[in-house]
Each structure stands twice: as C-alpha cells, then as structure tokens.
C-alpha atoms as a PDB file:
ATOM      1  CA  MET A   1       0.090  -0.067   0.031  1.00  0.00           C
ATOM      2  CA  ASN A   2       1.485   3.323  -1.009  1.00  0.00           C
ATOM      3  CA  SER A   3       0.643   6.455   1.032  1.00  0.00           C
ATOM      4  CA  ASP A   4       2.195   8.822  -1.436  1.00  0.00           C
ATOM      5  CA  PHE A   5      -1.150   9.945  -2.760  1.00  0.00           C
ATOM      6  CA  GLY A   6      -3.145   9.933   0.584  1.00  0.00           C
ATOM      7  CA  SER A   7      -4.995   7.284   2.509  1.00  0.00           C
ATOM      8  CA  ASP A   8      -5.343   3.730   1.348  1.00  0.00           C
ATOM      9  CA  TYR A   9      -8.797   2.034   1.700  1.00  0.00           C
ATOM     10  CA  ILE A  10      -9.798  -1.597   1.373  1.00  0.00           C
ATOM     11  CA  THR A  11     -13.131  -3.282   1.505  1.00  0.00           C
ATOM     12  CA  ILE A  12     -13.559  -6.508   3.383  1.00  0.00           C
ATOM     13  CA  SER A  13     -16.456  -8.977   3.650  1.00  0.00           C
ATOM     14  CA  ASP A  14     -17.347 -10.974   6.651  1.00  0.00           C
ATOM     15  CA  GLU A  15     -18.716 -14.493   6.591  1.00  0.00           C
ATOM     16  CA  ASP A  16     -22.234 -13.097   6.476  1.00  0.00           C
ATOM     17  CA  GLY A  17     -21.386 -11.187   3.258  1.00  0.00           C
ATOM     18  CA  ASN A  18     -21.398  -7.759   5.017  1.00  0.00           C
ATOM     19  CA  ASP A  19     -18.757  -5.315   3.578  1.00  0.00           C
ATOM     20  CA  TYR A  20     -16.666  -2.961   5.542  1.00  0.00           C
ATOM     21  CA  GLU A  21     -14.402  -0.218   4.262  1.00  0.00           C
ATOM     22  CA  LEU A  22     -11.264   0.219   6.203  1.00  0.00           C
ATOM     23  CA  GLU A  23      -8.573   2.903   6.082  1.00  0.00           C
ATOM     24  CA  HIS A  24      -4.991   1.405   6.268  1.00  0.00           C
ATOM     25  CA  LEU A  25      -3.040   3.155   9.151  1.00  0.00           C
ATOM     26  CA  ASP A  26       0.302   1.298   9.326  1.00  0.00           C
ATOM     27  CA  THR A  27       2.055  -1.996   8.510  1.00  0.00           C
ATOM     28  CA  ILE A  28       4.437  -3.963  10.989  1.00  0.00           C
ATOM     29  CA  GLU A  29       6.443  -7.035  10.377  1.00  0.00           C
ATOM     30  CA  TYR A  30       6.633  -9.215  13.511  1.00  0.00           C
ATOM     31  CA  ASN A  31       8.046 -12.755  13.957  1.00  0.00           C
ATOM     32  CA  GLY A  32       8.360 -13.096  10.166  1.00  0.00           C
ATOM     33  CA  CYS A  33       4.678 -12.161   9.500  1.00  0.00           C
ATOM     34  CA  CYS A  34       3.109  -8.968   8.180  1.00  0.00           C
ATOM     35  CA  TYR A  35       0.370  -7.244  10.121  1.00  0.00           C
ATOM     36  CA  LEU A  36      -1.755  -4.311   8.909  1.00  0.00           C
ATOM     37  CA  ALA A  37      -3.775  -1.842  11.177  1.00  0.00           C
ATOM     38  CA  PHE A  38      -6.894  -0.250   9.951  1.00  0.00           C
ATOM     39  CA  LEU A  39      -9.638   1.988  11.168  1.00  0.00           C
ATOM     40  CA  PRO A  40     -13.256   1.670   9.933  1.00  0.00           C
ATOM     41  CA  ALA A  41     -13.608   4.311   7.137  1.00  0.00           C
ATOM     42  CA  ASP A  42     -17.099   5.419   8.479  1.00  0.00           C
ATOM     43  CA  ILE A  43     -16.105   6.277  12.050  1.00  0.00           C
ATOM     44  CA  ASP A  44     -17.080   9.539  13.613  1.00  0.00           C
ATOM     45  CA  GLU A  45     -13.993  11.570  13.979  1.00  0.00           C
ATOM     46  CA  ASN A  46     -15.272  13.284  17.054  1.00  0.00           C
ATOM     47  CA  SER A  47     -15.979   9.943  18.830  1.00  0.00           C
ATOM     48  CA  GLU A  48     -13.285   8.378  20.957  1.00  0.00           C
ATOM     49  CA  ASP A  49     -15.224   5.042  20.932  1.00  0.00           C
ATOM     50  CA  TYR A  50     -13.791   3.134  17.976  1.00  0.00           C
ATOM     51  CA  GLY A  51     -11.413   0.155  17.637  1.00  0.00           C
ATOM     52  CA  ILE A  52      -8.494  -0.550  15.551  1.00  0.00           C
ATOM     53  CA  VAL A  53      -8.678  -3.488  13.151  1.00  0.00           C
ATOM     54  CA  ILE A  54      -5.504  -5.630  12.859  1.00  0.00           C
ATOM     55  CA  LEU A  55      -5.226  -8.181  10.166  1.00  0.00           C
ATOM     56  CA  LYS A  56      -2.466 -10.570   9.113  1.00  0.00           C
ATOM     57  CA  THR A  57      -1.302 -11.402   5.707  1.00  0.00           C
ATOM     58  CA  GLU A  58      -1.185 -15.193   5.022  1.00  0.00           C
ATOM     59  CA  THR A  59      -0.954 -17.339   2.018  1.00  0.00           C
ATOM     60  CA  VAL A  60      -3.815 -19.756   1.715  1.00  0.00           C
ATOM     61  CA  GLU A  61      -3.945 -22.110  -1.185  1.00  0.00           C
ATOM     62  CA  GLY A  62      -1.374 -19.948  -3.197  1.00  0.00           C
ATOM     63  CA  GLU A  63      -3.319 -16.789  -2.659  1.00  0.00           C
ATOM     64  CA  GLU A  64      -2.477 -13.967  -0.289  1.00  0.00           C
ATOM     65  CA  MET A  65      -5.241 -13.254   2.164  1.00  0.00           C
ATOM     66  CA  LEU A  66      -5.908 -11.012   5.245  1.00  0.00           C
ATOM     67  CA  THR A  67      -6.873 -12.981   8.194  1.00  0.00           C
ATOM     68  CA  VAL A  68      -7.570 -12.388  11.902  1.00  0.00           C
ATOM     69  CA  PRO A  69      -4.546 -13.454  14.119  1.00  0.00           C
ATOM     70  CA  PRO A  70      -5.216 -15.715  17.248  1.00  0.00           C
ATOM     71  CA  ASP A  71      -5.903 -13.643  20.432  1.00  0.00           C
ATOM     72  CA  GLU A  72      -2.339 -14.072  22.031  1.00  0.00           C
ATOM     73  CA  GLU A  73      -0.683 -12.896  18.768  1.00  0.00           C
ATOM     74  CA  LEU A  74      -3.218 -10.107  18.285  1.00  0.00           C
ATOM     75  CA  ASP A  75      -2.449  -8.797  21.777  1.00  0.00           C
ATOM     76  CA  GLU A  76       1.154  -8.700  21.053  1.00  0.00           C
ATOM     77  CA  VAL A  77       0.823  -6.929  17.710  1.00  0.00           C
ATOM     78  CA  TYR A  78      -1.687  -4.595  19.070  1.00  0.00           C
ATOM     79  CA  GLU A  79       0.780  -3.387  21.775  1.00  0.00           C
ATOM     80  CA  LEU A  80       3.520  -2.931  19.052  1.00  0.00           C
ATOM     81  CA  PHE A  81       1.230  -0.866  17.008  1.00  0.00           C
ATOM     82  CA  MET A  82       0.148   1.392  19.924  1.00  0.00           C
ATOM     83  CA  GLU A  83       3.710   2.102  20.890  1.00  0.00           C
ATOM     84  CA  ARG A  84       4.464   2.888  17.301  1.00  0.00           C
ATOM     85  CA  LEU A  85       1.390   5.135  16.763  1.00  0.00           C
ATOM     86  CA  PHE A  86       1.792   6.982  20.089  1.00  0.00           C
ATOM     87  CA  SER A  87       5.536   7.400  19.791  1.00  0.00           C
ATOM     88  CA  GLU A  88       4.949   9.347  16.546  1.00  0.00           C
ATOM     89  CA  ASP A  89       2.314  11.488  18.270  1.00  0.00           C
ATOM     90  CA  ASP A  90       4.955  12.294  21.020  1.00  0.00           C
ATOM     91  CA  GLU A  91       7.587  13.596  18.471  1.00  0.00           C
ATOM     92  CA  PRO A  92       8.280  17.298  18.876  1.00  0.00           C
ATOM     93  CA  ASP A  93       6.897  19.635  16.173  1.00  0.00           C
ATOM     94  CA  THR A  94       9.938  20.677  14.043  1.00  0.00           C
ATOM     95  CA  ASP A  95       7.925  22.531  11.280  1.00  0.00           C
ATOM     96  CA  ARG A  96       8.304  25.877  13.030  1.00  0.00           C
END
C-alpha cells in the first residue's frame, strides 16, 4: 500500500457477506509475519469510541489473504502498533 497519494482504503467482507471499508494506518513485520492496522472508514472522527482492526497477511492455497490473528498474537501486535502510533504523536513539532 502506497501512501504517497493519501490514505489507502480496502473493502473486506465477513462470513455473512457484510462489506466493511477500512482505512490503512500502518504495517508492521513481527516474527516473520506482516500485520496491517486499519480504522473503519465510516467512524465519527469526534468519537473516541472506535477500535483499531488488525489483520495478518497469510498465503492460503497460493493466494495472499488477510486473516484475523489468534488472540495471543493479536494482543502482542496490538501493543506494538500502539507503541509505534503513540511514539509518533509524542515527536516534537519541528515545522516551526
């Protein structure tokens, strides 16, 4: 995903056929796997009550797919994303 031209969006479907549009925030490699963090594209920006969606890239039957990681793995990767996202927010503003 290339962010040179703004945000990247994907649409995923659940097992019931419901479609969800997600905005890509960041990608992390951890333990040889690639994880992507997303926010729902339709969230209310004024609300603090939203969750980050973390998906893992895996090759299934020769095709690359996004899957939900197991809970323990998800917790570890979530912490890495939070550290990374919030450490960027703590950077001093050097554009003055």
